[in-house]
């Protein structure tokens, strides 16, 4: 089994919040495709990173799905679609092999 996480910024690069419908649409799409999704939308996490010696930050939301197989090329395509939708250079999509108890 695989656990896949998508980390998305809550706001664009000018600080304007993305519409809730963008997150809701993604949540519905993932739930339909993977028979379930966990979306951490209400209590955003904070992401920090270094860019040209300066520390930047974003409030982020996290989506998680579990799936028995991992199609990396499909997830790279999804990542590109999300980068376009959210106007970002890079959206973090990561996965782990997990064992369910």
PDB file of N, CA and C in Angstrom:
ATOM      1  N   UNK A   1       0.851  -1.178   0.000  1.00  0.00           N
ATOM      2  CA  UNK A   1       0.000   0.000   0.000  1.00  0.00           C
ATOM      3  C   UNK A   1       0.895   1.238   0.000  1.00  0.00           C
ATOM      4  N   UNK A   2       0.443   2.286  -0.668  1.00  0.00           N
ATOM      5  CA  UNK A   2       1.180   3.545  -0.745  1.00  0.00           C
ATOM      6  C   UNK A   2       0.347   4.677  -0.145  1.00  0.00           C
ATOM      7  N   UNK A   3       1.019   5.571   0.540  1.00  0.00           N
ATOM      8  CA  UNK A   3       0.420   6.802   1.032  1.00  0.00           C
ATOM      9  C   UNK A   3       1.008   7.939   0.215  1.00  0.00           C
ATOM     10  N   UNK A   4       0.144   8.706  -0.423  1.00  0.00           N
ATOM     11  CA  UNK A   4       0.577   9.815  -1.267  1.00  0.00           C
ATOM     12  C   UNK A   4       0.100  11.115  -0.634  1.00  0.00           C
ATOM     13  N   UNK A   5       0.996  12.077  -0.525  1.00  0.00           N
ATOM     14  CA  UNK A   5       0.661  13.397   0.015  1.00  0.00           C
ATOM     15  C   UNK A   5       0.876  14.458  -1.047  1.00  0.00           C
ATOM     16  N   UNK A   6      -0.047  15.415  -1.068  1.00  0.00           N
ATOM     17  CA  UNK A   6       0.063  16.596  -1.916  1.00  0.00           C
ATOM     18  C   UNK A   6       0.078  17.797  -0.981  1.00  0.00           C
ATOM     19  N   UNK A   7       1.108  18.635  -1.092  1.00  0.00           N
ATOM     20  CA  UNK A   7       1.224  19.845  -0.273  1.00  0.00           C
ATOM     21  C   UNK A   7       0.931  21.043  -1.169  1.00  0.00           C
ATOM     22  N   UNK A   8      -0.105  21.806  -0.806  1.00  0.00           N
ATOM     23  CA  UNK A   8      -0.528  22.940  -1.620  1.00  0.00           C
ATOM     24  C   UNK A   8      -0.534  24.224  -0.806  1.00  0.00           C
ATOM     25  N   UNK A   9      -0.127  25.329  -1.422  1.00  0.00           N
ATOM     26  CA  UNK A   9      -0.202  26.609  -0.718  1.00  0.00           C
ATOM     27  C   UNK A   9      -1.656  27.058  -0.604  1.00  0.00           C
ATOM     28  N   UNK A  10      -1.990  27.742   0.487  1.00  0.00           N
ATOM     29  CA  UNK A  10      -3.341  28.290   0.657  1.00  0.00           C
ATOM     30  C   UNK A  10      -3.527  29.575  -0.139  1.00  0.00           C
ATOM     31  N   UNK A  11      -2.426  30.257  -0.466  1.00  0.00           N
ATOM     32  CA  UNK A  11      -2.494  31.548  -1.156  1.00  0.00           C
ATOM     33  C   UNK A  11      -1.521  31.570  -2.328  1.00  0.00           C
ATOM     34  N   UNK A  12      -1.790  32.453  -3.274  1.00  0.00           N
ATOM     35  CA  UNK A  12      -0.888  32.592  -4.410  1.00  0.00           C
ATOM     36  C   UNK A  12       0.349  33.398  -4.018  1.00  0.00           C
ATOM     37  N   UNK A  13       1.213  33.635  -4.966  1.00  0.00           N
ATOM     38  CA  UNK A  13       2.484  34.317  -4.674  1.00  0.00           C
ATOM     39  C   UNK A  13       2.310  35.781  -4.285  1.00  0.00           C
ATOM     40  N   UNK A  14       1.126  36.343  -4.511  1.00  0.00           N
ATOM     41  CA  UNK A  14       0.834  37.715  -4.091  1.00  0.00           C
ATOM     42  C   UNK A  14       0.063  37.745  -2.769  1.00  0.00           C
ATOM     43  N   UNK A  15      -0.131  36.575  -2.166  1.00  0.00           N
ATOM     44  CA  UNK A  15      -0.809  36.507  -0.869  1.00  0.00           C
ATOM     45  C   UNK A  15      -2.319  36.404  -0.935  1.00  0.00           C
ATOM     46  N   UNK A  16      -2.879  36.270  -2.143  1.00  0.00           N
ATOM     47  CA  UNK A  16      -4.330  36.142  -2.284  1.00  0.00           C
ATOM     48  C   UNK A  16      -4.738  34.685  -2.087  1.00  0.00           C
ATOM     49  N   UNK A  17      -5.662  34.415  -1.168  1.00  0.00           N
ATOM     50  CA  UNK A  17      -6.093  33.027  -0.928  1.00  0.00           C
ATOM     51  C   UNK A  17      -6.727  32.426  -2.185  1.00  0.00           C
ATOM     52  N   UNK A  18      -6.424  31.144  -2.411  1.00  0.00           N
ATOM     53  CA  UNK A  18      -7.084  30.429  -3.499  1.00  0.00           C
ATOM     54  C   UNK A  18      -8.535  30.186  -3.103  1.00  0.00           C
ATOM     55  N   UNK A  19      -9.439  30.153  -4.070  1.00  0.00           N
ATOM     56  CA  UNK A  19     -10.838  29.888  -3.749  1.00  0.00           C
ATOM     57  C   UNK A  19     -11.017  28.498  -3.141  1.00  0.00           C
ATOM     58  N   UNK A  20     -11.885  28.398  -2.169  1.00  0.00           N
ATOM     59  CA  UNK A  20     -12.161  27.105  -1.521  1.00  0.00           C
ATOM     60  C   UNK A  20     -12.590  26.069  -2.552  1.00  0.00           C
ATOM     61  N   UNK A  21     -13.265  26.501  -3.610  1.00  0.00           N
ATOM     62  CA  UNK A  21     -13.754  25.556  -4.618  1.00  0.00           C
ATOM     63  C   UNK A  21     -12.613  24.801  -5.293  1.00  0.00           C
ATOM     64  N   UNK A  22     -11.418  25.434  -5.418  1.00  0.00           N
ATOM     65  CA  UNK A  22     -10.272  24.726  -6.011  1.00  0.00           C
ATOM     66  C   UNK A  22      -9.876  23.536  -5.150  1.00  0.00           C
ATOM     67  N   UNK A  23      -9.873  23.729  -3.837  1.00  0.00           N
ATOM     68  CA  UNK A  23      -9.525  22.640  -2.916  1.00  0.00           C
ATOM     69  C   UNK A  23     -10.642  21.592  -2.864  1.00  0.00           C
ATOM     70  N   UNK A  24     -11.888  22.059  -2.864  1.00  0.00           N
ATOM     71  CA  UNK A  24     -13.026  21.130  -2.842  1.00  0.00           C
ATOM     72  C   UNK A  24     -13.058  20.270  -4.095  1.00  0.00           C
ATOM     73  N   UNK A  25     -12.770  20.869  -5.243  1.00  0.00           N
ATOM     74  CA  UNK A  25     -12.756  20.123  -6.508  1.00  0.00           C
ATOM     75  C   UNK A  25     -11.691  19.033  -6.472  1.00  0.00           C
ATOM     76  N   UNK A  26     -10.497  19.380  -5.966  1.00  0.00           N
ATOM     77  CA  UNK A  26      -9.428  18.392  -5.866  1.00  0.00           C
ATOM     78  C   UNK A  26      -9.813  17.282  -4.890  1.00  0.00           C
ATOM     79  N   UNK A  27     -10.400  17.655  -3.773  1.00  0.00           N
ATOM     80  CA  UNK A  27     -10.828  16.660  -2.778  1.00  0.00           C
ATOM     81  C   UNK A  27     -11.835  15.686  -3.389  1.00  0.00           C
ATOM     82  N   UNK A  28     -12.803  16.203  -4.120  1.00  0.00           N
ATOM     83  CA  UNK A  28     -13.816  15.340  -4.753  1.00  0.00           C
ATOM     84  C   UNK A  28     -13.187  14.437  -5.808  1.00  0.00           C
ATOM     85  N   UNK A  29     -12.266  14.991  -6.605  1.00  0.00           N
ATOM     86  CA  UNK A  29     -11.597  14.198  -7.644  1.00  0.00           C
ATOM     87  C   UNK A  29     -10.792  13.051  -7.023  1.00  0.00           C
ATOM     88  N   UNK A  30     -10.029  13.355  -5.979  1.00  0.00           N
ATOM     89  CA  UNK A  30      -9.214  12.312  -5.336  1.00  0.00           C
ATOM     90  C   UNK A  30     -10.086  11.263  -4.660  1.00  0.00           C
ATOM     91  N   UNK A  31     -11.163  11.698  -4.028  1.00  0.00           N
ATOM     92  CA  UNK A  31     -12.063  10.751  -3.366  1.00  0.00           C
ATOM     93  C   UNK A  31     -12.686   9.799  -4.377  1.00  0.00           C
ATOM     94  N   UNK A  32     -13.070  10.320  -5.526  1.00  0.00           N
ATOM     95  CA  UNK A  32     -13.664   9.482  -6.560  1.00  0.00           C
ATOM     96  C   UNK A  32     -12.644   8.515  -7.153  1.00  0.00           C
ATOM     97  N   UNK A  33     -11.441   8.999  -7.391  1.00  0.00           N
ATOM     98  CA  UNK A  33     -10.410   8.168  -8.031  1.00  0.00           C
ATOM     99  C   UNK A  33      -9.830   7.119  -7.092  1.00  0.00           C
ATOM    100  N   UNK A  34      -9.663   7.462  -5.814  1.00  0.00           N
ATOM    101  CA  UNK A  34      -8.973   6.571  -4.881  1.00  0.00           C
ATOM    102  C   UNK A  34      -9.884   6.043  -3.775  1.00  0.00           C
ATOM    103  N   UNK A  35     -11.188   6.210  -3.938  1.00  0.00           N
ATOM    104  CA  UNK A  35     -12.175   5.724  -2.970  1.00  0.00           C
ATOM    105  C   UNK A  35     -11.989   6.333  -1.593  1.00  0.00           C
ATOM    106  N   UNK A  36     -11.375   7.493  -1.514  1.00  0.00           N
ATOM    107  CA  UNK A  36     -11.230   8.185  -0.242  1.00  0.00           C
ATOM    108  C   UNK A  36     -10.075   9.150  -0.285  1.00  0.00           C
ATOM    109  N   UNK A  37     -10.143  10.165   0.562  1.00  0.00           N
ATOM    110  CA  UNK A  37      -9.094  11.174   0.670  1.00  0.00           C
ATOM    111  C   UNK A  37      -9.168  11.768   2.066  1.00  0.00           C
ATOM    112  N   UNK A  38      -8.033  12.151   2.594  1.00  0.00           N
ATOM    113  CA  UNK A  38      -7.977  12.940   3.816  1.00  0.00           C
ATOM    114  C   UNK A  38      -7.440  14.300   3.419  1.00  0.00           C
ATOM    115  N   UNK A  39      -8.196  15.345   3.761  1.00  0.00           N
ATOM    116  CA  UNK A  39      -7.797  16.709   3.413  1.00  0.00           C
ATOM    117  C   UNK A  39      -7.664  17.511   4.698  1.00  0.00           C
ATOM    118  N   UNK A  40      -6.480  18.012   4.952  1.00  0.00           N
ATOM    119  CA  UNK A  40      -6.209  18.865   6.106  1.00  0.00           C
ATOM    120  C   UNK A  40      -6.329  20.312   5.636  1.00  0.00           C
ATOM    121  N   UNK A  41      -7.543  20.865   5.734  1.00  0.00           N
ATOM    122  CA  UNK A  41      -7.824  22.188   5.185  1.00  0.00           C
ATOM    123  C   UNK A  41      -8.011  23.265   6.245  1.00  0.00           C
ATOM    124  N   UNK A  42      -8.475  22.915   7.408  1.00  0.00           N
ATOM    125  CA  UNK A  42      -8.857  23.911   8.408  1.00  0.00           C
ATOM    126  C   UNK A  42      -7.689  24.464   9.214  1.00  0.00           C
ATOM    127  N   UNK A  43      -6.733  23.642   9.535  1.00  0.00           N
ATOM    128  CA  UNK A  43      -5.589  24.072  10.350  1.00  0.00           C
ATOM    129  C   UNK A  43      -4.339  23.940   9.498  1.00  0.00           C
ATOM    130  N   UNK A  44      -4.045  24.960   8.701  1.00  0.00           N
ATOM    131  CA  UNK A  44      -2.931  24.801   7.765  1.00  0.00           C
ATOM    132  C   UNK A  44      -1.590  24.641   8.471  1.00  0.00           C
ATOM    133  N   UNK A  45      -0.752  23.883   7.818  1.00  0.00           N
ATOM    134  CA  UNK A  45       0.633  23.741   8.265  1.00  0.00           C
ATOM    135  C   UNK A  45       1.436  24.892   7.656  1.00  0.00           C
ATOM    136  N   UNK A  46       2.610  25.125   8.194  1.00  0.00           N
ATOM    137  CA  UNK A  46       3.474  26.159   7.638  1.00  0.00           C
ATOM    138  C   UNK A  46       4.672  25.496   6.979  1.00  0.00           C
ATOM    139  N   UNK A  47       4.920  25.852   5.743  1.00  0.00           N
ATOM    140  CA  UNK A  47       6.088  25.364   5.032  1.00  0.00           C
ATOM    141  C   UNK A  47       7.145  26.447   4.972  1.00  0.00           C
ATOM    142  N   UNK A  48       8.380  26.089   5.265  1.00  0.00           N
ATOM    143  CA  UNK A  48       9.515  27.021   5.171  1.00  0.00           C
ATOM    144  C   UNK A  48      10.535  26.457   4.202  1.00  0.00           C
ATOM    145  N   UNK A  49      11.202  27.327   3.442  1.00  0.00           N
ATOM    146  CA  UNK A  49      12.257  26.889   2.542  1.00  0.00           C
ATOM    147  C   UNK A  49      13.179  28.060   2.268  1.00  0.00           C
ATOM    148  N   UNK A  50      14.394  27.721   1.856  1.00  0.00           N
ATOM    149  CA  UNK A  50      15.399  28.723   1.502  1.00  0.00           C
ATOM    150  C   UNK A  50      15.340  28.970   0.000  1.00  0.00           C
ATOM    151  N   UNK A  51      15.387  30.245  -0.376  1.00  0.00           N
ATOM    152  CA  UNK A  51      15.405  30.630  -1.777  1.00  0.00           C
ATOM    153  C   UNK A  51      16.362  31.799  -1.930  1.00  0.00           C
ATOM    154  N   UNK A  52      17.498  31.545  -2.569  1.00  0.00           N
ATOM    155  CA  UNK A  52      18.530  32.578  -2.780  1.00  0.00           C
ATOM    156  C   UNK A  52      18.965  33.209  -1.462  1.00  0.00           C
ATOM    157  N   UNK A  53      19.152  32.375  -0.442  1.00  0.00           N
ATOM    158  CA  UNK A  53      19.635  32.844   0.851  1.00  0.00           C
ATOM    159  C   UNK A  53      18.574  33.457   1.742  1.00  0.00           C
ATOM    160  N   UNK A  54      17.350  33.533   1.264  1.00  0.00           N
ATOM    161  CA  UNK A  54      16.252  34.125   2.029  1.00  0.00           C
ATOM    162  C   UNK A  54      15.258  33.022   2.401  1.00  0.00           C
ATOM    163  N   UNK A  55      14.711  33.082   3.608  1.00  0.00           N
ATOM    164  CA  UNK A  55      13.716  32.102   4.028  1.00  0.00           C
ATOM    165  C   UNK A  55      12.333  32.585   3.633  1.00  0.00           C
ATOM    166  N   UNK A  56      11.606  31.763   2.892  1.00  0.00           N
ATOM    167  CA  UNK A  56      10.223  32.033   2.509  1.00  0.00           C
ATOM    168  C   UNK A  56       9.320  31.077   3.252  1.00  0.00           C
ATOM    169  N   UNK A  57       8.036  31.414   3.325  1.00  0.00           N
ATOM    170  CA  UNK A  57       7.084  30.535   3.992  1.00  0.00           C
ATOM    171  C   UNK A  57       5.737  30.591   3.299  1.00  0.00           C
ATOM    172  N   UNK A  58       4.959  29.552   3.498  1.00  0.00           N
ATOM    173  CA  UNK A  58       3.592  29.435   2.997  1.00  0.00           C
ATOM    174  C   UNK A  58       2.763  28.729   4.049  1.00  0.00           C
ATOM    175  N   UNK A  59       1.501  29.126   4.176  1.00  0.00           N
ATOM    176  CA  UNK A  59       0.540  28.266   4.848  1.00  0.00           C
ATOM    177  C   UNK A  59       0.123  27.245   3.816  1.00  0.00           C
ATOM    178  N   UNK A  60       0.125  25.976   4.204  1.00  0.00           N
ATOM    179  CA  UNK A  60      -0.190  24.915   3.241  1.00  0.00           C
ATOM    180  C   UNK A  60      -1.330  24.051   3.750  1.00  0.00           C
ATOM    181  N   UNK A  61      -1.968  23.397   2.812  1.00  0.00           N
ATOM    182  CA  UNK A  61      -2.945  22.361   3.111  1.00  0.00           C
ATOM    183  C   UNK A  61      -2.386  21.057   2.560  1.00  0.00           C
ATOM    184  N   UNK A  62      -2.833  19.952   3.132  1.00  0.00           N
ATOM    185  CA  UNK A  62      -2.294  18.647   2.761  1.00  0.00           C
ATOM    186  C   UNK A  62      -3.435  17.718   2.393  1.00  0.00           C
ATOM    187  N   UNK A  63      -3.277  17.034   1.288  1.00  0.00           N
ATOM    188  CA  UNK A  63      -4.207  16.000   0.860  1.00  0.00           C
ATOM    189  C   UNK A  63      -3.469  14.672   0.906  1.00  0.00           C
ATOM    190  N   UNK A  64      -4.141  13.629   1.392  1.00  0.00           N
ATOM    191  CA  UNK A  64      -3.548  12.286   1.439  1.00  0.00           C
ATOM    192  C   UNK A  64      -4.508  11.279   0.827  1.00  0.00           C
ATOM    193  N   UNK A  65      -3.938  10.361   0.062  1.00  0.00           N
ATOM    194  CA  UNK A  65      -4.691   9.212  -0.444  1.00  0.00           C
ATOM    195  C   UNK A  65      -3.852   7.963  -0.238  1.00  0.00           C
ATOM    196  N   UNK A  66      -4.544   6.837  -0.154  1.00  0.00           N
ATOM    197  CA  UNK A  66      -3.870   5.539  -0.097  1.00  0.00           C
ATOM    198  C   UNK A  66      -4.276   4.752  -1.333  1.00  0.00           C
ATOM    199  N   UNK A  67      -3.328   4.008  -1.871  1.00  0.00           N
ATOM    200  CA  UNK A  67      -3.586   3.229  -3.075  1.00  0.00           C
ATOM    201  C   UNK A  67      -2.704   1.982  -3.068  1.00  0.00           C
ATOM    202  N   UNK A  68      -3.200   0.876  -3.604  1.00  0.00           N
ATOM    203  CA  UNK A  68      -2.395  -0.342  -3.622  1.00  0.00           C
ATOM    204  C   UNK A  68      -1.280  -0.341  -4.662  1.00  0.00           C
ATOM    205  N   UNK A  69      -1.351   0.567  -5.630  1.00  0.00           N
ATOM    206  CA  UNK A  69      -0.290   0.627  -6.644  1.00  0.00           C
ATOM    207  C   UNK A  69       0.094   2.086  -6.873  1.00  0.00           C
ATOM    208  N   UNK A  70       1.313   2.275  -7.349  1.00  0.00           N
ATOM    209  CA  UNK A  70       1.842   3.625  -7.544  1.00  0.00           C
ATOM    210  C   UNK A  70       2.189   3.821  -9.008  1.00  0.00           C
ATOM    211  N   UNK A  71       1.479   4.726  -9.673  1.00  0.00           N
ATOM    212  CA  UNK A  71       1.743   5.065 -11.069  1.00  0.00           C
ATOM    213  C   UNK A  71       2.457   6.419 -11.079  1.00  0.00           C
ATOM    214  N   UNK A  72       3.784   6.385 -11.079  1.00  0.00           N
ATOM    215  CA  UNK A  72       4.581   7.603 -10.964  1.00  0.00           C
ATOM    216  C   UNK A  72       4.297   8.554 -12.122  1.00  0.00           C
ATOM    217  N   UNK A  73       4.167   8.049 -13.336  1.00  0.00           N
ATOM    218  CA  UNK A  73       3.926   8.942 -14.477  1.00  0.00           C
ATOM    219  C   UNK A  73       2.576   9.649 -14.340  1.00  0.00           C
ATOM    220  N   UNK A  74       1.552   8.968 -13.836  1.00  0.00           N
ATOM    221  CA  UNK A  74       0.257   9.600 -13.607  1.00  0.00           C
ATOM    222  C   UNK A  74       0.374  10.698 -12.559  1.00  0.00           C
ATOM    223  N   UNK A  75       1.123  10.439 -11.495  1.00  0.00           N
ATOM    224  CA  UNK A  75       1.291  11.445 -10.448  1.00  0.00           C
ATOM    225  C   UNK A  75       2.130  12.624 -10.914  1.00  0.00           C
ATOM    226  N   UNK A  76       3.082  12.399 -11.786  1.00  0.00           N
ATOM    227  CA  UNK A  76       3.842  13.529 -12.348  1.00  0.00           C
ATOM    228  C   UNK A  76       2.926  14.408 -13.208  1.00  0.00           C
ATOM    229  N   UNK A  77       2.033  13.759 -13.954  1.00  0.00           N
ATOM    230  CA  UNK A  77       1.063  14.522 -14.747  1.00  0.00           C
ATOM    231  C   UNK A  77       0.151  15.329 -13.817  1.00  0.00           C
ATOM    232  N   UNK A  78      -0.348  14.685 -12.762  1.00  0.00           N
ATOM    233  CA  UNK A  78      -1.197  15.390 -11.796  1.00  0.00           C
ATOM    234  C   UNK A  78      -0.438  16.560 -11.163  1.00  0.00           C
ATOM    235  N   UNK A  79       0.812  16.336 -10.834  1.00  0.00           N
ATOM    236  CA  UNK A  79       1.639  17.390 -10.243  1.00  0.00           C
ATOM    237  C   UNK A  79       1.714  18.581 -11.201  1.00  0.00           C
ATOM    238  N   UNK A  80       1.966  18.332 -12.471  1.00  0.00           N
ATOM    239  CA  UNK A  80       2.014  19.400 -13.465  1.00  0.00           C
ATOM    240  C   UNK A  80       0.684  20.132 -13.581  1.00  0.00           C
ATOM    241  N   UNK A  81      -0.420  19.389 -13.549  1.00  0.00           N
ATOM    242  CA  UNK A  81      -1.743  20.009 -13.597  1.00  0.00           C
ATOM    243  C   UNK A  81      -1.956  20.924 -12.396  1.00  0.00           C
ATOM    244  N   UNK A  82      -1.537  20.475 -11.214  1.00  0.00           N
ATOM    245  CA  UNK A  82      -1.689  21.284 -10.000  1.00  0.00           C
ATOM    246  C   UNK A  82      -0.786  22.515 -10.047  1.00  0.00           C
ATOM    247  N   UNK A  83       0.429  22.365 -10.554  1.00  0.00           N
ATOM    248  CA  UNK A  83       1.327  23.515 -10.688  1.00  0.00           C
ATOM    249  C   UNK A  83       0.705  24.579 -11.593  1.00  0.00           C
ATOM    250  N   UNK A  84       0.047  24.125 -12.646  1.00  0.00           N
ATOM    251  CA  UNK A  84      -0.626  25.064 -13.556  1.00  0.00           C
ATOM    252  C   UNK A  84      -1.824  25.714 -12.861  1.00  0.00           C
ATOM    253  N   UNK A  85      -2.674  24.911 -12.243  1.00  0.00           N
ATOM    254  CA  UNK A  85      -3.871  25.427 -11.586  1.00  0.00           C
ATOM    255  C   UNK A  85      -3.538  26.432 -10.492  1.00  0.00           C
ATOM    256  N   UNK A  86      -2.510  26.114  -9.670  1.00  0.00           N
ATOM    257  CA  UNK A  86      -2.162  26.966  -8.547  1.00  0.00           C
ATOM    258  C   UNK A  86      -1.023  27.946  -8.876  1.00  0.00           C
ATOM    259  N   UNK A  87      -0.632  27.997 -10.151  1.00  0.00           N
ATOM    260  CA  UNK A  87       0.392  28.938 -10.626  1.00  0.00           C
ATOM    261  C   UNK A  87       1.658  28.890  -9.759  1.00  0.00           C
ATOM    262  N   UNK A  88       2.201  27.679  -9.618  1.00  0.00           N
ATOM    263  CA  UNK A  88       3.391  27.446  -8.809  1.00  0.00           C
ATOM    264  C   UNK A  88       4.475  26.783  -9.653  1.00  0.00           C
ATOM    265  N   UNK A  89       5.732  27.116  -9.355  1.00  0.00           N
ATOM    266  CA  UNK A  89       6.845  26.454 -10.041  1.00  0.00           C
ATOM    267  C   UNK A  89       6.931  24.992  -9.664  1.00  0.00           C
ATOM    268  N   UNK A  90       6.619  24.684  -8.397  1.00  0.00           N
ATOM    269  CA  UNK A  90       6.725  23.302  -7.947  1.00  0.00           C
ATOM    270  C   UNK A  90       5.702  23.031  -6.849  1.00  0.00           C
ATOM    271  N   UNK A  91       4.946  21.981  -7.038  1.00  0.00           N
ATOM    272  CA  UNK A  91       4.035  21.474  -6.016  1.00  0.00           C
ATOM    273  C   UNK A  91       4.655  20.169  -5.502  1.00  0.00           C
ATOM    274  N   UNK A  92       4.755  20.034  -4.195  1.00  0.00           N
ATOM    275  CA  UNK A  92       5.332  18.824  -3.616  1.00  0.00           C
ATOM    276  C   UNK A  92       4.284  17.717  -3.611  1.00  0.00           C
ATOM    277  N   UNK A  93       4.626  16.622  -4.263  1.00  0.00           N
ATOM    278  CA  UNK A  93       3.856  15.382  -4.205  1.00  0.00           C
ATOM    279  C   UNK A  93       4.855  14.323  -3.768  1.00  0.00           C
ATOM    280  N   UNK A  94       4.551  13.630  -2.675  1.00  0.00           N
ATOM    281  CA  UNK A  94       5.479  12.624  -2.158  1.00  0.00           C
ATOM    282  C   UNK A  94       4.708  11.380  -1.755  1.00  0.00           C
ATOM    283  N   UNK A  95       5.443  10.254  -1.716  1.00  0.00           N
ATOM    284  CA  UNK A  95       4.756   9.008  -1.359  1.00  0.00           C
ATOM    285  C   UNK A  95       5.686   8.097  -0.563  1.00  0.00           C
ATOM    286  N   UNK A  96       5.044   7.235   0.198  1.00  0.00           N
ATOM    287  CA  UNK A  96       5.723   6.230   1.008  1.00  0.00           C
ATOM    288  C   UNK A  96       5.032   4.889   0.816  1.00  0.00           C
ATOM    289  N   UNK A  97       5.795   3.834   0.962  1.00  0.00           N
ATOM    290  CA  UNK A  97       5.210   2.510   1.101  1.00  0.00           C
ATOM    291  C   UNK A  97       4.800   2.354   2.561  1.00  0.00           C
ATOM    292  N   UNK A  98       3.570   1.913   2.788  1.00  0.00           N
ATOM    293  CA  UNK A  98       3.067   1.774   4.147  1.00  0.00           C
ATOM    294  C   UNK A  98       2.488   0.382   4.366  1.00  0.00           C
ATOM    295  N   UNK A  99       2.331   0.022   5.619  1.00  0.00           N
ATOM    296  CA  UNK A  99       1.676  -1.205   6.009  1.00  0.00           C
ATOM    297  C   UNK A  99       0.476  -0.853   6.871  1.00  0.00           C
ATOM    298  N   UNK A 100      -0.700  -1.317   6.479  1.00  0.00           N
ATOM    299  CA  UNK A 100      -1.896  -1.076   7.289  1.00  0.00           C
ATOM    300  C   UNK A 100      -2.011  -2.176   8.335  1.00  0.00           C
ATOM    301  N   UNK A 101      -2.385  -1.804   9.531  1.00  0.00           N
ATOM    302  CA  UNK A 101      -2.567  -2.779  10.607  1.00  0.00           C
ATOM    303  C   UNK A 101      -3.973  -3.350  10.582  1.00  0.00           C
TER     304      UNK A 101
END
